[in-house]
Amino acid sequence: MEKIYSVLMSVYYKENPDYFIASLKSIVNQTLKPDQIVIVKDGKLTEKLDQVIEEFVRKEPELFYIVSLDKNVGLGRALDEGLKYCKNELVARMDSDDISLPDRCGIQVEFFEKNPDISIVGSMIDEFYDEPDNIVSSRVVPTKHEDIVKFIRRRSPFNHPTVMFKKSEVIRCGGYGYLRRKQDLDLFSRMINNNCKGANINTSLLLFRSNQNNFRRRKSWSYCKSYIDVEYVIWKRGDCSLIDFIIVSLGQLIMFLSPMWVLKILSNRFLRESIKN
C-alpha cells in the first residue's frame, strides 16, 4: 500500500473561522502530508470562511479540491458528496474545529500497511476547553475488532473525527446515508456488520474542541430523538437486539430528563475519562 491518502472535511456557515484555520493547519502540517484535501462547502458560507479556504488554496492549489453545494444538506450527505472526489483509497476524516496531532495520519497509514485486512481505524481523543493545552477529559474506545463488534450494539466504537477508512468499503456499505444526525454511528454499524474489520489505536491522535454547550446539546430533545432514531434503524436491520434498543432509548431519555448536574456526572463517569490536573 502506498503512503498516500486523502482528507475529507465539510464546513458550513456557522463554523468559527479561527477554529477552521487551526484545524486546516493541523492537517496540512502532518508529518506524513496528505496527497489531497477535499473540502465540502455545505451551502453558502460566510465571507470569512470563504476567505480562509481561498487563502489555503492560494498557497497550495494542487493540494485542495473544493466541492460547493448550493444548499446545506447536513454532514452525512455532504461527506458522501465529497467522498466521490477523494482520489485515494485511504481517506482521513477531519472536522473543521478539531486539531489533529502532527503524526496522526502517519500512524494510521502505517497501521493499514501492517494490517491490510482492516477497513477502518480510529483512535482515542482528548477533549479540551478554550485552548488545546486545557485538556479536561478523554474518550476511550475499544481497540480490538471483537470488542468493537460488541460495543457498537449500544454506542459508537469510533471517535468520528479520528477515523481513517478505505473509500471502497464505505461506498460498498452505502456511505453515510440519509440520516441528518448520528449518521456516523449508522455507517459504522453497517460497516462492522458487513464484514468490515475495525480497530482503534490506543492513544489520542486528535484534540477535540469541547465546551459547556456540548452538555446542553446532549440534553436537547433533537439530540435525544436522533440517537433513539438511529438505534431504531440499527435494530430494524437486525444489527442489535431489542434489549439493546430499549437500554439505549432509556439511557437517552434519562439524560434528556435529568438536571444538568446529573448529566455531567453521568457523562464524566460512564462516557469519558476525566483528566486530573
C-alpha atoms as a PDB file:
ATOM      1  CA  MET A   1       0.000   0.000   0.000  1.00  0.00           C
ATOM      2  CA  GLU A   2       1.352   3.410  -0.978  1.00  0.00           C
ATOM      3  CA  LYS A   3       1.706   6.022   1.736  1.00  0.00           C
ATOM      4  CA  ILE A   4      -0.869   8.345   0.228  1.00  0.00           C
ATOM      5  CA  TYR A   5      -4.255   9.393   1.497  1.00  0.00           C
ATOM      6  CA  SER A   6      -6.988  11.981   1.065  1.00  0.00           C
ATOM      7  CA  VAL A   7      -8.561  14.114   3.801  1.00  0.00           C
ATOM      8  CA  LEU A   8     -12.335  14.670   3.801  1.00  0.00           C
ATOM      9  CA  MET A   9     -13.809  17.730   5.514  1.00  0.00           C
ATOM     10  CA  SER A  10     -17.136  19.559   5.496  1.00  0.00           C
ATOM     11  CA  VAL A  11     -17.759  23.152   6.562  1.00  0.00           C
ATOM     12  CA  TYR A  12     -20.946  25.195   6.906  1.00  0.00           C
ATOM     13  CA  TYR A  13     -21.767  28.802   7.666  1.00  0.00           C
ATOM     14  CA  LYS A  14     -21.903  28.535  11.475  1.00  0.00           C
ATOM     15  CA  GLU A  15     -18.268  27.418  11.795  1.00  0.00           C
ATOM     16  CA  ASN A  16     -15.749  29.632  13.602  1.00  0.00           C
ATOM     17  CA  PRO A  17     -13.107  30.853  11.093  1.00  0.00           C
ATOM     18  CA  ASP A  18     -10.302  30.785  13.688  1.00  0.00           C
ATOM     19  CA  TYR A  19     -11.110  27.206  14.647  1.00  0.00           C
ATOM     20  CA  PHE A  20     -11.258  26.306  10.958  1.00  0.00           C
ATOM     21  CA  ILE A  21      -7.790  27.767  10.397  1.00  0.00           C
ATOM     22  CA  ALA A  22      -6.344  25.769  13.317  1.00  0.00           C
ATOM     23  CA  SER A  23      -7.969  22.603  12.002  1.00  0.00           C
ATOM     24  CA  LEU A  24      -6.625  23.093   8.473  1.00  0.00           C
ATOM     25  CA  LYS A  25      -3.138  23.896   9.736  1.00  0.00           C
ATOM     26  CA  SER A  26      -3.089  20.725  11.800  1.00  0.00           C
ATOM     27  CA  ILE A  27      -3.905  18.564   8.782  1.00  0.00           C
ATOM     28  CA  VAL A  28      -1.721  20.419   6.267  1.00  0.00           C
ATOM     29  CA  ASN A  29       1.263  20.108   8.602  1.00  0.00           C
ATOM     30  CA  GLN A  30       1.052  16.370   9.186  1.00  0.00           C
ATOM     31  CA  THR A  31       4.410  14.598   9.306  1.00  0.00           C
ATOM     32  CA  LEU A  32       3.020  12.419   6.528  1.00  0.00           C
ATOM     33  CA  LYS A  33       1.451  15.108   4.365  1.00  0.00           C
ATOM     34  CA  PRO A  34      -1.870  14.323   2.680  1.00  0.00           C
ATOM     35  CA  ASP A  35      -1.956  13.859  -1.071  1.00  0.00           C
ATOM     36  CA  GLN A  36      -5.322  15.631  -1.299  1.00  0.00           C
ATOM     37  CA  ILE A  37      -7.685  17.612   0.942  1.00  0.00           C
ATOM     38  CA  VAL A  38     -11.327  17.633  -0.139  1.00  0.00           C
ATOM     39  CA  ILE A  39     -13.396  20.402   1.477  1.00  0.00           C
ATOM     40  CA  VAL A  40     -17.158  20.348   1.009  1.00  0.00           C
ATOM     41  CA  LYS A  41     -18.830  23.738   1.352  1.00  0.00           C
ATOM     42  CA  ASP A  42     -22.175  22.622   2.753  1.00  0.00           C
ATOM     43  CA  GLY A  43     -24.235  25.507   1.429  1.00  0.00           C
ATOM     44  CA  LYS A  44     -23.317  29.189   1.232  1.00  0.00           C
ATOM     45  CA  LEU A  45     -20.565  30.195   3.691  1.00  0.00           C
ATOM     46  CA  THR A  46     -19.745  33.465   5.392  1.00  0.00           C
ATOM     47  CA  GLU A  47     -17.249  35.759   3.733  1.00  0.00           C
ATOM     48  CA  LYS A  48     -14.632  34.996   6.396  1.00  0.00           C
ATOM     49  CA  LEU A  49     -14.919  31.231   5.936  1.00  0.00           C
ATOM     50  CA  ASP A  50     -14.622  31.627   2.171  1.00  0.00           C
ATOM     51  CA  GLN A  51     -11.510  33.751   2.721  1.00  0.00           C
ATOM     52  CA  VAL A  52      -9.938  31.032   4.868  1.00  0.00           C
ATOM     53  CA  ILE A  53     -10.434  28.462   2.109  1.00  0.00           C
ATOM     54  CA  GLU A  54      -9.178  30.836  -0.584  1.00  0.00           C
ATOM     55  CA  GLU A  55      -6.000  31.572   1.365  1.00  0.00           C
ATOM     56  CA  PHE A  56      -5.126  27.911   1.892  1.00  0.00           C
ATOM     57  CA  VAL A  57      -5.903  27.093  -1.747  1.00  0.00           C
ATOM     58  CA  ARG A  58      -3.767  30.012  -2.900  1.00  0.00           C
ATOM     59  CA  LYS A  59      -0.752  28.655  -1.021  1.00  0.00           C
ATOM     60  CA  GLU A  60      -1.137  25.035  -2.192  1.00  0.00           C
ATOM     61  CA  PRO A  61      -3.611  24.863  -5.083  1.00  0.00           C
ATOM     62  CA  GLU A  62      -2.580  21.328  -6.055  1.00  0.00           C
ATOM     63  CA  LEU A  63      -3.438  20.021  -2.579  1.00  0.00           C
ATOM     64  CA  PHE A  64      -7.066  21.136  -2.309  1.00  0.00           C
ATOM     65  CA  TYR A  65     -10.253  20.113  -4.060  1.00  0.00           C
ATOM     66  CA  ILE A  66     -13.291  22.244  -3.207  1.00  0.00           C
ATOM     67  CA  VAL A  67     -16.835  20.930  -3.589  1.00  0.00           C
ATOM     68  CA  SER A  68     -19.535  23.627  -3.404  1.00  0.00           C
ATOM     69  CA  LEU A  69     -23.117  22.635  -2.602  1.00  0.00           C
ATOM     70  CA  ASP A  70     -25.959  25.015  -3.437  1.00  0.00           C
ATOM     71  CA  LYS A  71     -27.710  24.457  -0.115  1.00  0.00           C
ATOM     72  CA  ASN A  72     -26.991  22.989   3.296  1.00  0.00           C
ATOM     73  CA  VAL A  73     -27.703  19.246   3.198  1.00  0.00           C
ATOM     74  CA  GLY A  74     -26.220  18.147   6.516  1.00  0.00           C
ATOM     75  CA  LEU A  75     -22.952  16.462   7.421  1.00  0.00           C
ATOM     76  CA  GLY A  76     -23.702  12.952   6.180  1.00  0.00           C
ATOM     77  CA  ARG A  77     -24.876  13.889   2.703  1.00  0.00           C
ATOM     78  CA  ALA A  78     -22.091  16.474   2.384  1.00  0.00           C
ATOM     79  CA  LEU A  79     -19.471  13.845   3.219  1.00  0.00           C
ATOM     80  CA  ASP A  80     -20.990  11.383   0.754  1.00  0.00           C
ATOM     81  CA  GLU A  81     -20.717  14.047  -1.933  1.00  0.00           C
ATOM     82  CA  GLY A  82     -17.129  14.850  -1.017  1.00  0.00           C
ATOM     83  CA  LEU A  83     -16.161  11.194  -0.930  1.00  0.00           C
ATOM     84  CA  LYS A  84     -16.880  10.983  -4.660  1.00  0.00           C
ATOM     85  CA  TYR A  85     -13.936  13.324  -5.282  1.00  0.00           C
ATOM     86  CA  CYS A  86     -11.428  11.627  -2.970  1.00  0.00           C
ATOM     87  CA  LYS A  87      -8.878  10.118  -5.352  1.00  0.00           C
ATOM     88  CA  ASN A  88      -7.169   7.791  -2.870  1.00  0.00           C
ATOM     89  CA  GLU A  89      -8.341   4.562  -1.269  1.00  0.00           C
ATOM     90  CA  LEU A  90      -7.402   5.741   2.223  1.00  0.00           C
ATOM     91  CA  VAL A  91      -9.466   8.692   3.434  1.00  0.00           C
ATOM     92  CA  ALA A  92      -8.969  10.509   6.737  1.00  0.00           C
ATOM     93  CA  ARG A  93     -11.949  12.305   8.245  1.00  0.00           C
ATOM     94  CA  MET A  94     -11.355  15.711   9.780  1.00  0.00           C
ATOM     95  CA  ASP A  95     -13.773  18.134  11.410  1.00  0.00           C
ATOM     96  CA  SER A  96     -13.477  21.873  10.910  1.00  0.00           C
ATOM     97  CA  ASP A  97     -12.907  22.743  14.569  1.00  0.00           C
ATOM     98  CA  ASP A  98     -10.698  19.936  15.911  1.00  0.00           C
ATOM     99  CA  ILE A  99      -6.918  19.600  15.864  1.00  0.00           C
ATOM    100  CA  SER A 100      -5.082  16.533  14.580  1.00  0.00           C
ATOM    101  CA  LEU A 101      -1.781  15.787  16.270  1.00  0.00           C
ATOM    102  CA  PRO A 102       1.152  16.013  13.817  1.00  0.00           C
ATOM    103  CA  ASP A 103       1.733  12.268  13.471  1.00  0.00           C
ATOM    104  CA  ARG A 104      -1.931  11.220  13.447  1.00  0.00           C
ATOM    105  CA  CYS A 105      -2.236  10.294   9.777  1.00  0.00           C
ATOM    106  CA  GLY A 106       1.244   8.795   9.531  1.00  0.00           C
ATOM    107  CA  ILE A 107       0.429   6.422  12.391  1.00  0.00           C
ATOM    108  CA  GLN A 108      -2.869   5.441  10.794  1.00  0.00           C
ATOM    109  CA  VAL A 109      -1.394   4.844   7.336  1.00  0.00           C
ATOM    110  CA  GLU A 110       1.316   2.687   8.906  1.00  0.00           C
ATOM    111  CA  PHE A 111      -1.391   0.745  10.761  1.00  0.00           C
ATOM    112  CA  PHE A 112      -3.128  -0.005   7.443  1.00  0.00           C
ATOM    113  CA  GLU A 113       0.180  -1.145   5.965  1.00  0.00           C
ATOM    114  CA  LYS A 114       0.701  -3.599   8.804  1.00  0.00           C
ATOM    115  CA  ASN A 115      -2.953  -4.695   8.891  1.00  0.00           C
ATOM    116  CA  PRO A 116      -4.233  -4.914   5.289  1.00  0.00           C
ATOM    117  CA  ASP A 117      -7.447  -6.626   6.409  1.00  0.00           C
ATOM    118  CA  ILE A 118      -8.545  -3.517   8.329  1.00  0.00           C
ATOM    119  CA  SER A 119     -11.214  -1.292   6.736  1.00  0.00           C
ATOM    120  CA  ILE A 120     -11.464   1.473   9.346  1.00  0.00           C
ATOM    121  CA  VAL A 121      -9.172   2.671  12.121  1.00  0.00           C
ATOM    122  CA  GLY A 122      -9.673   5.424  14.662  1.00  0.00           C
ATOM    123  CA  SER A 123      -8.084   6.484  17.926  1.00  0.00           C
ATOM    124  CA  MET A 124      -8.793   7.943  21.334  1.00  0.00           C
ATOM    125  CA  ILE A 125      -9.437  11.684  21.655  1.00  0.00           C
ATOM    126  CA  ASP A 126      -8.508  14.288  24.249  1.00  0.00           C
ATOM    127  CA  GLU A 127     -11.188  16.924  24.802  1.00  0.00           C
ATOM    128  CA  PHE A 128     -10.185  20.495  25.605  1.00  0.00           C
ATOM    129  CA  TYR A 129     -11.827  23.746  26.641  1.00  0.00           C
ATOM    130  CA  ASP A 130     -10.746  27.049  25.064  1.00  0.00           C
ATOM    131  CA  GLU A 131      -7.063  26.249  24.499  1.00  0.00           C
ATOM    132  CA  PRO A 132      -5.548  22.953  23.266  1.00  0.00           C
ATOM    133  CA  ASP A 133      -3.432  22.583  26.400  1.00  0.00           C
ATOM    134  CA  ASN A 134      -6.520  22.737  28.631  1.00  0.00           C
ATOM    135  CA  ILE A 135      -7.437  19.064  28.299  1.00  0.00           C
ATOM    136  CA  VAL A 136     -10.380  18.149  30.515  1.00  0.00           C
ATOM    137  CA  SER A 137     -11.266  14.592  29.522  1.00  0.00           C
ATOM    138  CA  SER A 138     -10.633  11.742  27.108  1.00  0.00           C
ATOM    139  CA  ARG A 139     -12.977   9.469  25.208  1.00  0.00           C
ATOM    140  CA  VAL A 140     -11.614   5.948  25.268  1.00  0.00           C
ATOM    141  CA  VAL A 141     -12.985   3.408  22.793  1.00  0.00           C
ATOM    142  CA  PRO A 142     -12.278  -0.321  22.286  1.00  0.00           C
ATOM    143  CA  THR A 143      -9.169  -1.182  20.303  1.00  0.00           C
ATOM    144  CA  LYS A 144      -9.815  -4.750  19.133  1.00  0.00           C
ATOM    145  CA  HIS A 145     -12.300  -5.763  16.458  1.00  0.00           C
ATOM    146  CA  GLU A 146     -14.089  -8.307  18.630  1.00  0.00           C
ATOM    147  CA  ASP A 147     -14.680  -5.663  21.319  1.00  0.00           C
ATOM    148  CA  ILE A 148     -15.823  -3.146  18.704  1.00  0.00           C
ATOM    149  CA  VAL A 149     -18.435  -5.660  17.486  1.00  0.00           C
ATOM    150  CA  LYS A 150     -19.924  -5.840  21.000  1.00  0.00           C
ATOM    151  CA  PHE A 151     -19.603  -2.133  21.742  1.00  0.00           C
ATOM    152  CA  ILE A 152     -21.363  -0.950  18.581  1.00  0.00           C
ATOM    153  CA  ARG A 153     -24.644  -2.533  19.600  1.00  0.00           C
ATOM    154  CA  ARG A 154     -25.212   0.362  22.032  1.00  0.00           C
ATOM    155  CA  ARG A 155     -22.615   3.060  21.387  1.00  0.00           C
ATOM    156  CA  SER A 156     -20.269   4.234  18.681  1.00  0.00           C
ATOM    157  CA  PRO A 157     -16.929   2.407  18.968  1.00  0.00           C
ATOM    158  CA  PHE A 158     -15.151   5.096  16.938  1.00  0.00           C
ATOM    159  CA  ASN A 159     -14.470   8.752  17.570  1.00  0.00           C
ATOM    160  CA  HIS A 160     -15.718  10.005  14.212  1.00  0.00           C
ATOM    161  CA  PRO A 161     -13.211  12.882  13.712  1.00  0.00           C
ATOM    162  CA  THR A 162     -10.324  10.439  14.151  1.00  0.00           C
ATOM    163  CA  VAL A 163     -11.226   7.762  11.634  1.00  0.00           C
ATOM    164  CA  MET A 164      -9.335   6.815   8.504  1.00  0.00           C
ATOM    165  CA  PHE A 165     -11.117   4.335   6.255  1.00  0.00           C
ATOM    166  CA  LYS A 166     -10.985   2.586   2.913  1.00  0.00           C
ATOM    167  CA  LYS A 167     -13.131   4.501   0.448  1.00  0.00           C
ATOM    168  CA  SER A 168     -14.211   1.389  -1.423  1.00  0.00           C
ATOM    169  CA  GLU A 169     -15.545  -0.236   1.745  1.00  0.00           C
ATOM    170  CA  VAL A 170     -17.505   2.847   2.818  1.00  0.00           C
ATOM    171  CA  ILE A 171     -19.101   3.038  -0.622  1.00  0.00           C
ATOM    172  CA  ARG A 172     -19.834  -0.705  -0.609  1.00  0.00           C
ATOM    173  CA  CYS A 173     -21.672  -0.308   2.693  1.00  0.00           C
ATOM    174  CA  GLY A 174     -23.803   2.581   1.446  1.00  0.00           C
ATOM    175  CA  GLY A 175     -21.883   5.638   2.613  1.00  0.00           C
ATOM    176  CA  TYR A 176     -23.166   7.950   5.332  1.00  0.00           C
ATOM    177  CA  GLY A 177     -26.723   7.652   4.090  1.00  0.00           C
ATOM    178  CA  TYR A 178     -29.847   9.724   4.615  1.00  0.00           C
ATOM    179  CA  LEU A 179     -29.913  10.372   8.387  1.00  0.00           C
ATOM    180  CA  ARG A 180     -29.482  14.025   9.319  1.00  0.00           C
ATOM    181  CA  ARG A 181     -27.769  13.284  12.649  1.00  0.00           C
ATOM    182  CA  LYS A 182     -25.782  10.368  14.127  1.00  0.00           C
ATOM    183  CA  GLN A 183     -25.117   9.205  10.580  1.00  0.00           C
ATOM    184  CA  ASP A 184     -21.611   8.141  11.586  1.00  0.00           C
ATOM    185  CA  LEU A 185     -22.938   5.547  14.040  1.00  0.00           C
ATOM    186  CA  ASP A 186     -25.250   4.196  11.340  1.00  0.00           C
ATOM    187  CA  LEU A 187     -22.355   3.945   8.865  1.00  0.00           C
ATOM    188  CA  PHE A 188     -20.034   2.275  11.359  1.00  0.00           C
ATOM    189  CA  SER A 189     -22.740  -0.234  12.271  1.00  0.00           C
ATOM    190  CA  ARG A 190     -23.322  -1.108   8.629  1.00  0.00           C
ATOM    191  CA  MET A 191     -19.594  -1.500   8.026  1.00  0.00           C
ATOM    192  CA  ILE A 192     -18.927  -3.722  11.036  1.00  0.00           C
ATOM    193  CA  ASN A 193     -21.988  -5.854  10.259  1.00  0.00           C
ATOM    194  CA  ASN A 194     -20.963  -6.173   6.598  1.00  0.00           C
ATOM    195  CA  ASN A 195     -17.652  -7.896   7.287  1.00  0.00           C
ATOM    196  CA  CYS A 196     -15.505  -4.779   7.623  1.00  0.00           C
ATOM    197  CA  LYS A 197     -12.802  -5.167  10.230  1.00  0.00           C
ATOM    198  CA  GLY A 198     -12.175  -2.212  12.550  1.00  0.00           C
ATOM    199  CA  ALA A 199      -9.616  -1.132  15.117  1.00  0.00           C
ATOM    200  CA  ASN A 200      -8.645   1.822  17.276  1.00  0.00           C
ATOM    201  CA  ILE A 201      -5.116   2.927  18.056  1.00  0.00           C
ATOM    202  CA  ASN A 202      -4.612   3.015  21.805  1.00  0.00           C
ATOM    203  CA  THR A 203      -3.547   6.643  22.090  1.00  0.00           C
ATOM    204  CA  SER A 204      -5.059  10.042  21.449  1.00  0.00           C
ATOM    205  CA  LEU A 205      -4.315  11.332  17.954  1.00  0.00           C
ATOM    206  CA  LEU A 206      -6.743  14.268  17.970  1.00  0.00           C
ATOM    207  CA  LEU A 207      -7.704  17.168  20.212  1.00  0.00           C
ATOM    208  CA  PHE A 208     -11.467  17.610  20.306  1.00  0.00           C
ATOM    209  CA  ARG A 209     -12.826  21.101  20.908  1.00  0.00           C
ATOM    210  CA  SER A 210     -15.455  20.992  23.632  1.00  0.00           C
ATOM    211  CA  ASN A 211     -17.253  23.390  25.962  1.00  0.00           C
ATOM    212  CA  GLN A 212     -20.193  23.608  28.344  1.00  0.00           C
ATOM    213  CA  ASN A 213     -22.556  23.995  25.381  1.00  0.00           C
ATOM    214  CA  ASN A 214     -21.880  20.360  24.490  1.00  0.00           C
ATOM    215  CA  PHE A 215     -23.736  19.287  27.608  1.00  0.00           C
ATOM    216  CA  ARG A 216     -26.708  21.467  26.671  1.00  0.00           C
ATOM    217  CA  ARG A 217     -26.673  19.952  23.186  1.00  0.00           C
ATOM    218  CA  ARG A 218     -26.721  16.422  24.622  1.00  0.00           C
ATOM    219  CA  LYS A 219     -29.722  17.409  26.757  1.00  0.00           C
ATOM    220  CA  SER A 220     -31.707  18.687  23.780  1.00  0.00           C
ATOM    221  CA  TRP A 221     -34.715  16.746  22.547  1.00  0.00           C
ATOM    222  CA  SER A 222     -33.345  16.756  18.992  1.00  0.00           C
ATOM    223  CA  TYR A 223     -30.147  15.004  20.162  1.00  0.00           C
ATOM    224  CA  CYS A 224     -32.107  12.507  22.260  1.00  0.00           C
ATOM    225  CA  LYS A 225     -34.530  11.724  19.437  1.00  0.00           C
ATOM    226  CA  SER A 226     -31.800  11.402  16.801  1.00  0.00           C
ATOM    227  CA  TYR A 227     -29.917   8.880  18.947  1.00  0.00           C
ATOM    228  CA  ILE A 228     -33.072   6.824  19.502  1.00  0.00           C
ATOM    229  CA  ASP A 229     -33.923   7.090  15.788  1.00  0.00           C
ATOM    230  CA  VAL A 230     -30.559   5.719  14.637  1.00  0.00           C
ATOM    231  CA  GLU A 231     -30.668   2.927  17.225  1.00  0.00           C
ATOM    232  CA  TYR A 232     -34.133   2.031  15.929  1.00  0.00           C
ATOM    233  CA  VAL A 233     -32.765   1.837  12.374  1.00  0.00           C
ATOM    234  CA  ILE A 234     -29.930  -0.393  13.600  1.00  0.00           C
ATOM    235  CA  TRP A 235     -32.382  -2.646  15.479  1.00  0.00           C
ATOM    236  CA  LYS A 236     -34.754  -2.935  12.493  1.00  0.00           C
ATOM    237  CA  ARG A 237     -31.758  -4.019  10.403  1.00  0.00           C
ATOM    238  CA  GLY A 238     -31.074  -6.777  12.911  1.00  0.00           C
ATOM    239  CA  ASP A 239     -27.722  -5.370  13.997  1.00  0.00           C
ATOM    240  CA  CYS A 240     -28.670  -5.051  17.667  1.00  0.00           C
ATOM    241  CA  SER A 241     -31.203  -6.763  19.944  1.00  0.00           C
ATOM    242  CA  LEU A 242     -34.468  -5.366  21.266  1.00  0.00           C
ATOM    243  CA  ILE A 243     -32.841  -5.223  24.702  1.00  0.00           C
ATOM    244  CA  ASP A 244     -30.017  -3.100  23.260  1.00  0.00           C
ATOM    245  CA  PHE A 245     -32.551  -0.737  21.684  1.00  0.00           C
ATOM    246  CA  ILE A 246     -34.523  -0.395  24.926  1.00  0.00           C
ATOM    247  CA  ILE A 247     -31.413   0.233  27.036  1.00  0.00           C
ATOM    248  CA  VAL A 248     -30.104   2.892  24.643  1.00  0.00           C
ATOM    249  CA  SER A 249     -33.514   4.584  24.422  1.00  0.00           C
ATOM    250  CA  LEU A 250     -33.971   4.631  28.207  1.00  0.00           C
ATOM    251  CA  GLY A 251     -30.430   5.934  28.670  1.00  0.00           C
ATOM    252  CA  GLN A 252     -31.016   8.806  26.256  1.00  0.00           C
ATOM    253  CA  LEU A 253     -34.361   9.670  27.863  1.00  0.00           C
ATOM    254  CA  ILE A 254     -32.769   9.709  31.318  1.00  0.00           C
ATOM    255  CA  MET A 255     -30.044  12.059  30.088  1.00  0.00           C
ATOM    256  CA  PHE A 256     -32.663  14.295  28.456  1.00  0.00           C
ATOM    257  CA  LEU A 257     -34.831  14.485  31.576  1.00  0.00           C
ATOM    258  CA  SER A 258     -32.027  14.744  34.157  1.00  0.00           C
ATOM    259  CA  PRO A 259     -30.822  18.079  35.573  1.00  0.00           C
ATOM    260  CA  MET A 260     -27.619  19.379  34.043  1.00  0.00           C
ATOM    261  CA  TRP A 261     -25.505  18.461  37.075  1.00  0.00           C
ATOM    262  CA  VAL A 262     -26.683  14.852  36.868  1.00  0.00           C
ATOM    263  CA  LEU A 263     -25.885  14.756  33.144  1.00  0.00           C
ATOM    264  CA  LYS A 264     -22.336  15.945  33.818  1.00  0.00           C
ATOM    265  CA  ILE A 265     -21.812  13.252  36.449  1.00  0.00           C
ATOM    266  CA  LEU A 266     -23.195  10.522  34.175  1.00  0.00           C
ATOM    267  CA  SER A 267     -21.149  11.721  31.210  1.00  0.00           C
ATOM    268  CA  ASN A 268     -17.885  12.004  33.140  1.00  0.00           C
ATOM    269  CA  ARG A 269     -18.376   8.679  34.895  1.00  0.00           C
ATOM    270  CA  PHE A 270     -19.613   6.474  32.062  1.00  0.00           C
ATOM    271  CA  LEU A 271     -18.764   8.205  28.770  1.00  0.00           C
ATOM    272  CA  ARG A 272     -15.481   9.993  29.456  1.00  0.00           C
ATOM    273  CA  GLU A 273     -12.292   9.692  31.457  1.00  0.00           C
ATOM    274  CA  SER A 274     -11.677  12.891  33.392  1.00  0.00           C
ATOM    275  CA  ILE A 275      -8.188  14.373  33.401  1.00  0.00           C
ATOM    276  CA  LYS A 276      -6.974  15.349  36.863  1.00  0.00           C
ATOM    277  CA  ASN A 277      -4.515  18.251  36.862  1.00  0.00           C
END
